[in-house]
Amino acid sequence: YQRRVHGGDDCVLGSGCKVLGNVSLGAGCKIGANSVVTKNVPTRTTAVGVPSRMVGGSKSANTPASDALVSSDTYGRIVSVTPAVEGMFGYTSQELIGQNVSILMPDPERSVHHKHIQRYLKSGQTTALGKMRKVRAVNKTGDVFLINICTSEYVFGAQHLFEALLWLASDDDVYMADFSI
């Protein structure tokens, strides 16, 4: 048995992910935190879960990935979003950047999210990072809908950034809130 991983340029690997077997990672692919990859990941595609499944991507290397990604800082302020977030929630990137990420959550989640971040930063204990979860979200017009979310943390010295990969939930989605490697 040989383990060979062939990685494309600009791949992003989430913390705790595992790539098993003779697997190719296409250019610009993203692997979610704690995901287990056993199959090839095409160019500009995102793989999440255990075992991983493809949840976003494009058919052409010249087309940007269609993943909805939201990055936020330790205060919950949104620092970047992809165009897919604009389509999913109805806000422009200019409207979202600088806002608290809880703008995308209905109550009661909205009112407690910052407490969860602060508890994690103090204790290191998390119930969300690296797990796929089905959660409620709210768009600009106030409509509540279900999404799947997988959140990763990136630490650069003393700075923590959180990135959430979002995609619309369907009846076929497996609820994995209690799964942890």
N, C-alpha and C. Protein backbone atom coordinates (compact mmCIF):
# COMPACT_ATOMS: atom_id res chain seq x y z
N TYR A 1 0.86 -1.18 0.00
CA TYR A 1 0.00 0.00 0.00
C TYR A 1 0.89 1.23 0.00
N GLN A 2 0.66 2.11 -0.93
CA GLN A 2 1.40 3.36 -0.98
C GLN A 2 0.43 4.51 -0.85
N ARG A 3 0.90 5.53 -0.15
CA ARG A 3 0.08 6.73 0.00
C ARG A 3 0.70 7.81 -0.86
N ARG A 4 -0.04 8.23 -1.86
CA ARG A 4 0.44 9.29 -2.75
C ARG A 4 -0.65 10.35 -2.86
N VAL A 5 -0.29 11.56 -2.50
CA VAL A 5 -1.20 12.68 -2.66
C VAL A 5 -0.60 13.59 -3.69
N HIS A 6 -1.34 13.86 -4.74
CA HIS A 6 -0.90 14.75 -5.80
C HIS A 6 -1.70 16.04 -5.64
N GLY A 7 -1.01 17.10 -5.22
CA GLY A 7 -1.71 18.34 -4.92
C GLY A 7 -1.55 19.37 -6.01
N GLY A 8 -2.65 20.02 -6.33
CA GLY A 8 -2.63 21.12 -7.28
C GLY A 8 -2.20 22.41 -6.60
N ASP A 9 -2.01 23.44 -7.38
CA ASP A 9 -1.62 24.74 -6.85
C ASP A 9 -2.76 25.35 -6.05
N ASP A 10 -2.41 26.10 -5.02
CA ASP A 10 -3.36 26.90 -4.23
C ASP A 10 -4.46 26.09 -3.56
N CYS A 11 -4.16 24.87 -3.13
CA CYS A 11 -5.14 24.10 -2.37
C CYS A 11 -5.17 24.62 -0.94
N VAL A 12 -6.35 24.62 -0.32
CA VAL A 12 -6.50 25.01 1.07
C VAL A 12 -6.96 23.78 1.83
N LEU A 13 -6.18 23.38 2.83
CA LEU A 13 -6.51 22.21 3.63
C LEU A 13 -6.92 22.67 5.02
N GLY A 14 -8.14 22.33 5.42
CA GLY A 14 -8.64 22.69 6.74
C GLY A 14 -7.93 21.90 7.82
N SER A 15 -7.93 22.45 9.03
CA SER A 15 -7.24 21.79 10.14
C SER A 15 -7.84 20.42 10.40
N GLY A 16 -6.96 19.45 10.66
CA GLY A 16 -7.38 18.10 11.02
C GLY A 16 -7.87 17.25 9.87
N CYS A 17 -7.80 17.76 8.64
CA CYS A 17 -8.28 16.94 7.52
C CYS A 17 -7.29 15.82 7.24
N LYS A 18 -7.78 14.76 6.63
CA LYS A 18 -6.95 13.63 6.27
C LYS A 18 -7.20 13.29 4.81
N VAL A 19 -6.10 13.06 4.07
CA VAL A 19 -6.18 12.64 2.68
C VAL A 19 -5.59 11.24 2.63
N LEU A 20 -6.41 10.25 2.27
CA LEU A 20 -6.01 8.85 2.33
C LEU A 20 -5.94 8.23 0.95
N GLY A 21 -4.89 7.46 0.70
CA GLY A 21 -4.76 6.73 -0.55
C GLY A 21 -4.13 7.54 -1.65
N ASN A 22 -4.20 7.00 -2.85
CA ASN A 22 -3.63 7.63 -4.04
C ASN A 22 -4.64 8.64 -4.57
N VAL A 23 -4.55 9.86 -4.06
CA VAL A 23 -5.57 10.88 -4.31
C VAL A 23 -4.94 12.09 -4.97
N SER A 24 -5.65 12.66 -5.94
CA SER A 24 -5.23 13.91 -6.58
C SER A 24 -6.12 15.04 -6.10
N LEU A 25 -5.48 16.16 -5.76
CA LEU A 25 -6.20 17.36 -5.37
C LEU A 25 -6.03 18.38 -6.48
N GLY A 26 -7.13 18.79 -7.09
CA GLY A 26 -7.07 19.73 -8.19
C GLY A 26 -6.66 21.12 -7.74
N ALA A 27 -6.20 21.92 -8.67
CA ALA A 27 -5.77 23.29 -8.37
C ALA A 27 -6.92 24.07 -7.76
N GLY A 28 -6.61 24.82 -6.70
CA GLY A 28 -7.60 25.68 -6.08
C GLY A 28 -8.67 24.95 -5.29
N CYS A 29 -8.47 23.67 -4.99
CA CYS A 29 -9.49 22.95 -4.23
C CYS A 29 -9.40 23.34 -2.75
N LYS A 30 -10.48 23.04 -2.02
CA LYS A 30 -10.53 23.30 -0.59
C LYS A 30 -11.03 22.04 0.10
N ILE A 31 -10.36 21.67 1.20
CA ILE A 31 -10.76 20.53 1.99
C ILE A 31 -11.19 21.05 3.36
N GLY A 32 -12.41 20.74 3.77
CA GLY A 32 -12.93 21.23 5.04
C GLY A 32 -12.23 20.62 6.23
N ALA A 33 -12.29 21.33 7.36
CA ALA A 33 -11.68 20.87 8.60
C ALA A 33 -12.22 19.50 8.98
N ASN A 34 -11.32 18.62 9.40
CA ASN A 34 -11.63 17.26 9.86
C ASN A 34 -12.24 16.36 8.80
N SER A 35 -12.22 16.78 7.55
CA SER A 35 -12.75 15.94 6.47
C SER A 35 -11.80 14.79 6.18
N VAL A 36 -12.32 13.70 5.69
CA VAL A 36 -11.51 12.55 5.29
C VAL A 36 -11.72 12.34 3.79
N VAL A 37 -10.66 12.58 3.02
CA VAL A 37 -10.73 12.52 1.56
C VAL A 37 -10.16 11.18 1.10
N THR A 38 -10.96 10.43 0.35
CA THR A 38 -10.51 9.14 -0.19
C THR A 38 -10.61 9.08 -1.71
N LYS A 39 -11.16 10.14 -2.32
CA LYS A 39 -11.32 10.20 -3.77
C LYS A 39 -10.72 11.49 -4.30
N ASN A 40 -10.42 11.53 -5.58
CA ASN A 40 -9.87 12.72 -6.21
C ASN A 40 -10.82 13.91 -6.03
N VAL A 41 -10.22 15.08 -5.81
CA VAL A 41 -10.99 16.31 -5.67
C VAL A 41 -10.69 17.16 -6.91
N PRO A 42 -11.70 17.42 -7.74
CA PRO A 42 -11.47 18.17 -8.96
C PRO A 42 -11.01 19.61 -8.71
N THR A 43 -10.49 20.22 -9.74
CA THR A 43 -10.05 21.60 -9.70
C THR A 43 -11.18 22.51 -9.21
N ARG A 44 -10.83 23.44 -8.34
CA ARG A 44 -11.74 24.47 -7.81
C ARG A 44 -13.02 23.88 -7.21
N THR A 45 -12.84 22.77 -6.48
CA THR A 45 -13.97 22.11 -5.85
C THR A 45 -13.70 22.02 -4.36
N THR A 46 -14.75 22.02 -3.56
CA THR A 46 -14.63 21.90 -2.11
C THR A 46 -15.16 20.55 -1.68
N ALA A 47 -14.40 19.90 -0.79
CA ALA A 47 -14.79 18.60 -0.25
C ALA A 47 -14.91 18.73 1.27
N VAL A 48 -16.02 18.25 1.83
CA VAL A 48 -16.22 18.28 3.28
C VAL A 48 -16.85 16.98 3.73
N GLY A 49 -16.64 16.65 5.01
CA GLY A 49 -17.34 15.53 5.63
C GLY A 49 -16.48 14.29 5.77
N VAL A 50 -17.10 13.27 6.37
CA VAL A 50 -16.46 11.98 6.59
C VAL A 50 -17.43 10.91 6.16
N PRO A 51 -17.16 10.18 5.11
CA PRO A 51 -16.14 10.51 4.11
C PRO A 51 -16.54 11.79 3.38
N SER A 52 -15.57 12.41 2.75
CA SER A 52 -15.84 13.71 2.12
C SER A 52 -16.78 13.56 0.93
N ARG A 53 -17.50 14.66 0.69
CA ARG A 53 -18.31 14.75 -0.51
C ARG A 53 -18.09 16.12 -1.11
N MET A 54 -18.28 16.24 -2.40
CA MET A 54 -18.06 17.51 -3.09
C MET A 54 -19.31 18.37 -2.91
N VAL A 55 -19.10 19.60 -2.40
CA VAL A 55 -20.25 20.46 -2.12
C VAL A 55 -20.23 21.74 -2.93
N GLY A 56 -19.18 22.01 -3.64
CA GLY A 56 -19.13 23.23 -4.43
C GLY A 56 -17.98 23.14 -5.39
N GLY A 57 -18.04 23.93 -6.41
CA GLY A 57 -16.95 23.95 -7.36
C GLY A 57 -17.43 24.39 -8.72
N SER A 58 -16.51 24.32 -9.65
CA SER A 58 -16.83 24.73 -11.01
C SER A 58 -16.28 23.70 -11.97
N LYS A 59 -16.83 23.68 -13.14
CA LYS A 59 -16.39 22.71 -14.13
C LYS A 59 -15.16 23.18 -14.88
N SER A 60 -14.84 24.46 -14.81
CA SER A 60 -13.72 25.00 -15.54
C SER A 60 -12.76 25.71 -14.61
N ALA A 61 -11.48 25.56 -14.84
CA ALA A 61 -10.47 26.23 -14.02
C ALA A 61 -10.55 27.73 -14.20
N ASN A 62 -11.18 28.20 -15.28
CA ASN A 62 -11.28 29.64 -15.52
C ASN A 62 -12.50 30.27 -14.84
N THR A 63 -13.36 29.43 -14.23
CA THR A 63 -14.55 29.92 -13.57
C THR A 63 -14.31 29.89 -12.07
N PRO A 64 -14.62 30.96 -11.35
CA PRO A 64 -14.40 30.94 -9.91
C PRO A 64 -15.28 29.90 -9.22
N ALA A 65 -14.76 29.36 -8.10
CA ALA A 65 -15.53 28.37 -7.35
C ALA A 65 -16.81 29.00 -6.82
N SER A 66 -17.86 28.19 -6.74
CA SER A 66 -19.16 28.71 -6.33
C SER A 66 -19.41 28.53 -4.84
N ASP A 67 -18.37 28.30 -4.07
CA ASP A 67 -18.54 28.09 -2.64
C ASP A 67 -18.93 29.37 -1.94
N ALA A 68 -19.84 29.26 -0.99
CA ALA A 68 -20.19 30.39 -0.13
C ALA A 68 -19.28 30.32 1.08
N LEU A 69 -18.33 31.24 1.16
CA LEU A 69 -17.37 31.30 2.26
C LEU A 69 -17.47 32.64 2.95
N VAL A 70 -17.54 32.61 4.28
CA VAL A 70 -17.56 33.81 5.09
C VAL A 70 -16.39 33.72 6.05
N SER A 71 -15.52 34.73 6.07
CA SER A 71 -14.40 34.79 7.01
C SER A 71 -14.67 35.89 8.01
N SER A 72 -14.38 35.59 9.29
CA SER A 72 -14.61 36.58 10.35
C SER A 72 -13.47 36.54 11.35
N ASP A 73 -13.34 37.64 12.11
CA ASP A 73 -12.28 37.73 13.12
C ASP A 73 -12.82 37.30 14.48
N THR A 74 -12.00 37.48 15.52
CA THR A 74 -12.39 37.03 16.86
C THR A 74 -13.53 37.84 17.47
N TYR A 75 -13.83 38.98 16.88
CA TYR A 75 -14.97 39.78 17.35
C TYR A 75 -16.24 39.44 16.57
N GLY A 76 -16.12 38.50 15.63
CA GLY A 76 -17.26 38.12 14.81
C GLY A 76 -17.47 39.04 13.62
N ARG A 77 -16.55 39.98 13.40
CA ARG A 77 -16.68 40.89 12.26
C ARG A 77 -16.33 40.17 10.97
N ILE A 78 -17.15 40.33 9.97
CA ILE A 78 -16.91 39.72 8.67
C ILE A 78 -15.76 40.47 7.99
N VAL A 79 -14.75 39.70 7.55
CA VAL A 79 -13.60 40.31 6.87
C VAL A 79 -13.60 40.00 5.38
N SER A 80 -14.28 38.94 4.96
CA SER A 80 -14.40 38.66 3.53
C SER A 80 -15.56 37.71 3.29
N VAL A 81 -16.12 37.79 2.09
CA VAL A 81 -17.17 36.88 1.63
C VAL A 81 -16.92 36.59 0.16
N THR A 82 -17.41 35.46 -0.29
CA THR A 82 -17.34 35.14 -1.71
C THR A 82 -18.64 35.59 -2.37
N PRO A 83 -18.63 35.74 -3.70
CA PRO A 83 -19.86 36.14 -4.40
C PRO A 83 -21.05 35.20 -4.12
N ALA A 84 -20.79 33.94 -3.86
CA ALA A 84 -21.89 33.01 -3.58
C ALA A 84 -22.64 33.39 -2.31
N VAL A 85 -21.97 34.04 -1.36
CA VAL A 85 -22.64 34.50 -0.14
C VAL A 85 -23.64 35.59 -0.49
N GLU A 86 -23.24 36.47 -1.41
CA GLU A 86 -24.14 37.53 -1.85
C GLU A 86 -25.43 36.95 -2.42
N GLY A 87 -25.29 35.91 -3.25
CA GLY A 87 -26.46 35.28 -3.85
C GLY A 87 -27.31 34.54 -2.83
N MET A 88 -26.69 33.93 -1.84
CA MET A 88 -27.41 33.14 -0.85
C MET A 88 -28.19 34.02 0.12
N PHE A 89 -27.60 35.18 0.50
CA PHE A 89 -28.20 36.00 1.55
C PHE A 89 -28.80 37.31 1.06
N GLY A 90 -28.49 37.73 -0.17
CA GLY A 90 -29.07 38.95 -0.71
C GLY A 90 -28.35 40.23 -0.35
N TYR A 91 -27.27 40.14 0.39
CA TYR A 91 -26.46 41.31 0.73
C TYR A 91 -25.32 41.44 -0.27
N THR A 92 -24.82 42.64 -0.50
CA THR A 92 -23.58 42.82 -1.26
C THR A 92 -22.42 42.62 -0.30
N SER A 93 -21.24 42.36 -0.85
CA SER A 93 -20.07 42.21 0.01
C SER A 93 -19.81 43.49 0.78
N GLN A 94 -20.07 44.65 0.17
CA GLN A 94 -19.86 45.92 0.86
C GLN A 94 -20.79 46.05 2.07
N GLU A 95 -22.00 45.52 1.97
CA GLU A 95 -22.93 45.57 3.10
C GLU A 95 -22.50 44.63 4.23
N LEU A 96 -21.83 43.53 3.90
CA LEU A 96 -21.47 42.53 4.91
C LEU A 96 -20.13 42.79 5.59
N ILE A 97 -19.13 43.19 4.83
CA ILE A 97 -17.79 43.35 5.40
C ILE A 97 -17.82 44.42 6.49
N GLY A 98 -17.32 44.05 7.66
CA GLY A 98 -17.33 44.93 8.82
C GLY A 98 -18.51 44.68 9.75
N GLN A 99 -19.55 44.01 9.25
CA GLN A 99 -20.71 43.67 10.08
C GLN A 99 -20.39 42.43 10.91
N ASN A 100 -21.12 42.24 11.99
CA ASN A 100 -20.97 41.01 12.75
C ASN A 100 -21.61 39.87 11.97
N VAL A 101 -20.97 38.71 11.99
CA VAL A 101 -21.44 37.55 11.25
C VAL A 101 -22.84 37.12 11.71
N SER A 102 -23.22 37.53 12.90
CA SER A 102 -24.55 37.17 13.40
C SER A 102 -25.67 37.81 12.59
N ILE A 103 -25.33 38.76 11.71
CA ILE A 103 -26.34 39.34 10.81
C ILE A 103 -26.97 38.26 9.92
N LEU A 104 -26.25 37.14 9.76
CA LEU A 104 -26.72 36.05 8.91
C LEU A 104 -27.48 34.98 9.69
N MET A 105 -27.71 35.25 10.99
CA MET A 105 -28.37 34.29 11.88
C MET A 105 -29.66 34.88 12.43
N PRO A 106 -30.70 34.05 12.57
CA PRO A 106 -31.91 34.52 13.24
C PRO A 106 -31.71 34.42 14.76
N ASP A 107 -32.59 35.07 15.51
CA ASP A 107 -32.59 34.86 16.97
C ASP A 107 -33.16 33.49 17.25
N PRO A 108 -32.72 32.79 18.26
CA PRO A 108 -31.84 33.23 19.33
C PRO A 108 -30.35 33.08 19.02
N GLU A 109 -30.00 32.43 17.90
CA GLU A 109 -28.58 32.22 17.58
C GLU A 109 -27.82 33.53 17.50
N ARG A 110 -28.45 34.54 16.92
CA ARG A 110 -27.81 35.84 16.74
C ARG A 110 -27.33 36.43 18.07
N SER A 111 -28.15 36.31 19.10
CA SER A 111 -27.83 36.98 20.36
C SER A 111 -26.78 36.24 21.20
N VAL A 112 -26.48 34.99 20.90
CA VAL A 112 -25.50 34.24 21.71
C VAL A 112 -24.21 33.90 20.97
N HIS A 113 -24.14 34.18 19.67
CA HIS A 113 -22.98 33.75 18.90
C HIS A 113 -21.67 34.32 19.44
N HIS A 114 -21.64 35.61 19.77
CA HIS A 114 -20.41 36.22 20.26
C HIS A 114 -19.94 35.56 21.56
N LYS A 115 -20.87 35.15 22.41
CA LYS A 115 -20.50 34.47 23.66
C LYS A 115 -19.82 33.14 23.37
N HIS A 116 -20.29 32.44 22.33
CA HIS A 116 -19.66 31.17 21.95
C HIS A 116 -18.22 31.39 21.49
N ILE A 117 -17.99 32.44 20.70
CA ILE A 117 -16.63 32.74 20.23
C ILE A 117 -15.73 33.05 21.42
N GLN A 118 -16.18 33.91 22.31
CA GLN A 118 -15.36 34.29 23.46
C GLN A 118 -15.07 33.11 24.38
N ARG A 119 -16.07 32.24 24.59
CA ARG A 119 -15.85 31.05 25.41
C ARG A 119 -14.78 30.16 24.77
N TYR A 120 -14.85 29.99 23.46
CA TYR A 120 -13.86 29.18 22.77
C TYR A 120 -12.46 29.78 22.91
N LEU A 121 -12.34 31.08 22.71
CA LEU A 121 -11.02 31.72 22.78
C LEU A 121 -10.41 31.63 24.18
N LYS A 122 -11.25 31.61 25.21
CA LYS A 122 -10.75 31.51 26.59
C LYS A 122 -10.45 30.07 26.99
N SER A 123 -11.31 29.14 26.60
CA SER A 123 -11.19 27.77 27.09
C SER A 123 -10.62 26.77 26.08
N GLY A 124 -10.72 27.10 24.78
CA GLY A 124 -10.30 26.15 23.75
C GLY A 124 -11.34 25.08 23.47
N GLN A 125 -12.46 25.11 24.18
CA GLN A 125 -13.51 24.11 23.98
C GLN A 125 -14.49 24.61 22.93
N THR A 126 -14.81 23.73 21.99
CA THR A 126 -15.70 24.11 20.90
C THR A 126 -16.76 23.06 20.66
N THR A 127 -17.90 23.50 20.22
CA THR A 127 -18.94 22.58 19.79
C THR A 127 -19.19 22.73 18.29
N ALA A 128 -18.42 23.62 17.64
CA ALA A 128 -18.71 23.92 16.24
C ALA A 128 -17.54 23.71 15.29
N LEU A 129 -16.33 24.06 15.68
CA LEU A 129 -15.22 24.01 14.74
C LEU A 129 -14.96 22.61 14.23
N GLY A 130 -14.79 22.51 12.92
CA GLY A 130 -14.45 21.24 12.31
C GLY A 130 -15.60 20.26 12.18
N LYS A 131 -16.81 20.72 12.42
CA LYS A 131 -17.97 19.83 12.33
C LYS A 131 -18.94 20.37 11.30
N MET A 132 -19.54 19.47 10.55
CA MET A 132 -20.62 19.86 9.64
C MET A 132 -21.89 19.91 10.46
N ARG A 133 -22.61 21.02 10.32
CA ARG A 133 -23.85 21.18 11.07
C ARG A 133 -24.92 21.74 10.16
N LYS A 134 -26.16 21.41 10.46
CA LYS A 134 -27.30 22.01 9.77
C LYS A 134 -27.84 23.06 10.72
N VAL A 135 -27.90 24.32 10.25
CA VAL A 135 -28.31 25.43 11.11
C VAL A 135 -29.30 26.32 10.36
N ARG A 136 -29.96 27.19 11.12
CA ARG A 136 -30.86 28.17 10.53
C ARG A 136 -30.06 29.41 10.15
N ALA A 137 -30.44 30.02 9.05
CA ALA A 137 -29.82 31.27 8.59
C ALA A 137 -30.95 32.23 8.22
N VAL A 138 -30.59 33.51 8.10
CA VAL A 138 -31.59 34.50 7.72
C VAL A 138 -31.01 35.39 6.62
N ASN A 139 -31.80 35.66 5.60
CA ASN A 139 -31.32 36.51 4.51
C ASN A 139 -31.69 37.97 4.75
N LYS A 140 -31.33 38.82 3.81
CA LYS A 140 -31.54 40.26 3.95
C LYS A 140 -33.01 40.63 4.13
N THR A 141 -33.90 39.87 3.52
CA THR A 141 -35.33 40.17 3.62
C THR A 141 -35.98 39.58 4.87
N GLY A 142 -35.18 38.86 5.68
CA GLY A 142 -35.71 38.28 6.92
C GLY A 142 -36.21 36.87 6.81
N ASP A 143 -36.09 36.27 5.62
CA ASP A 143 -36.52 34.88 5.45
C ASP A 143 -35.52 33.95 6.11
N VAL A 144 -36.03 32.99 6.89
CA VAL A 144 -35.19 32.01 7.57
C VAL A 144 -35.17 30.74 6.72
N PHE A 145 -33.98 30.16 6.57
CA PHE A 145 -33.82 28.94 5.77
C PHE A 145 -32.71 28.10 6.38
N LEU A 146 -32.65 26.82 5.99
CA LEU A 146 -31.63 25.91 6.51
C LEU A 146 -30.41 25.87 5.61
N ILE A 147 -29.24 25.89 6.26
CA ILE A 147 -27.98 25.73 5.54
C ILE A 147 -27.15 24.68 6.27
N ASN A 148 -26.18 24.15 5.56
CA ASN A 148 -25.13 23.35 6.17
C ASN A 148 -23.94 24.27 6.35
N ILE A 149 -23.19 24.07 7.41
CA ILE A 149 -22.03 24.90 7.69
C ILE A 149 -20.89 24.03 8.22
N CYS A 150 -19.71 24.33 7.77
CA CYS A 150 -18.49 23.71 8.29
C CYS A 150 -17.52 24.85 8.56
N THR A 151 -17.14 25.03 9.81
CA THR A 151 -16.31 26.17 10.22
C THR A 151 -14.90 25.70 10.56
N SER A 152 -13.91 26.44 10.07
CA SER A 152 -12.50 26.17 10.35
C SER A 152 -11.88 27.39 11.00
N GLU A 153 -10.81 27.16 11.72
CA GLU A 153 -10.06 28.24 12.35
C GLU A 153 -8.68 28.29 11.74
N TYR A 154 -8.20 29.50 11.50
CA TYR A 154 -6.85 29.72 11.02
C TYR A 154 -6.17 30.65 12.00
N VAL A 155 -5.00 30.25 12.50
CA VAL A 155 -4.27 31.05 13.47
C VAL A 155 -2.98 31.54 12.84
N PHE A 156 -2.78 32.85 12.89
CA PHE A 156 -1.58 33.49 12.38
C PHE A 156 -0.97 34.26 13.53
N GLY A 157 0.00 33.67 14.23
CA GLY A 157 0.55 34.32 15.42
C GLY A 157 -0.54 34.43 16.47
N ALA A 158 -0.85 35.65 16.88
CA ALA A 158 -1.89 35.87 17.88
C ALA A 158 -3.26 36.10 17.25
N GLN A 159 -3.32 36.17 15.92
CA GLN A 159 -4.58 36.46 15.24
C GLN A 159 -5.31 35.17 14.86
N HIS A 160 -6.59 35.11 15.18
CA HIS A 160 -7.45 33.99 14.82
C HIS A 160 -8.44 34.47 13.76
N LEU A 161 -8.61 33.69 12.72
CA LEU A 161 -9.66 33.95 11.74
C LEU A 161 -10.50 32.68 11.64
N PHE A 162 -11.78 32.88 11.44
CA PHE A 162 -12.70 31.76 11.28
C PHE A 162 -13.28 31.83 9.88
N GLU A 163 -13.34 30.66 9.23
CA GLU A 163 -13.92 30.61 7.89
C GLU A 163 -15.04 29.58 7.90
N ALA A 164 -16.19 30.01 7.44
CA ALA A 164 -17.36 29.14 7.38
C ALA A 164 -17.69 28.85 5.92
N LEU A 165 -17.75 27.58 5.60
CA LEU A 165 -18.21 27.11 4.29
C LEU A 165 -19.69 26.83 4.44
N LEU A 166 -20.51 27.44 3.58
CA LEU A 166 -21.97 27.34 3.68
C LEU A 166 -22.54 26.77 2.39
N TRP A 167 -23.56 25.93 2.51
CA TRP A 167 -24.31 25.50 1.34
C TRP A 167 -25.73 25.18 1.79
N LEU A 168 -26.67 25.36 0.88
CA LEU A 168 -28.07 25.14 1.20
C LEU A 168 -28.30 23.70 1.62
N ALA A 169 -29.08 23.52 2.66
CA ALA A 169 -29.39 22.18 3.17
C ALA A 169 -30.47 21.55 2.31
N SER A 170 -30.42 20.24 2.22
CA SER A 170 -31.47 19.48 1.54
C SER A 170 -31.90 18.34 2.43
N ASP A 171 -32.98 17.68 2.07
CA ASP A 171 -33.48 16.56 2.86
C ASP A 171 -32.50 15.39 2.88
N ASP A 172 -31.60 15.32 1.90
CA ASP A 172 -30.65 14.21 1.82
C ASP A 172 -29.41 14.43 2.68
N ASP A 173 -29.22 15.64 3.23
CA ASP A 173 -28.04 15.93 4.00
C ASP A 173 -28.03 15.14 5.31
N VAL A 174 -26.85 14.66 5.66
CA VAL A 174 -26.69 13.94 6.92
C VAL A 174 -26.35 14.97 7.99
N TYR A 175 -27.07 14.95 9.10
CA TYR A 175 -26.82 15.87 10.18
C TYR A 175 -25.67 15.32 11.01
N MET A 176 -24.57 16.08 11.09
CA MET A 176 -23.36 15.56 11.73
C MET A 176 -22.89 16.45 12.87
N ALA A 177 -23.77 17.08 13.58
CA ALA A 177 -23.37 18.02 14.63
C ALA A 177 -22.56 17.33 15.73
N ASP A 178 -22.80 16.06 15.97
CA ASP A 178 -22.11 15.38 17.04
C ASP A 178 -20.88 14.61 16.58
N PHE A 179 -20.51 14.73 15.31
CA PHE A 179 -19.37 13.99 14.80
C PHE A 179 -18.08 14.75 15.07
N SER A 180 -17.09 14.07 15.55
CA SER A 180 -15.78 14.68 15.77
C SER A 180 -14.73 13.60 15.63
N ILE A 181 -13.60 13.96 15.02
CA ILE A 181 -12.50 13.00 14.88
C ILE A 181 -11.60 13.11 16.08
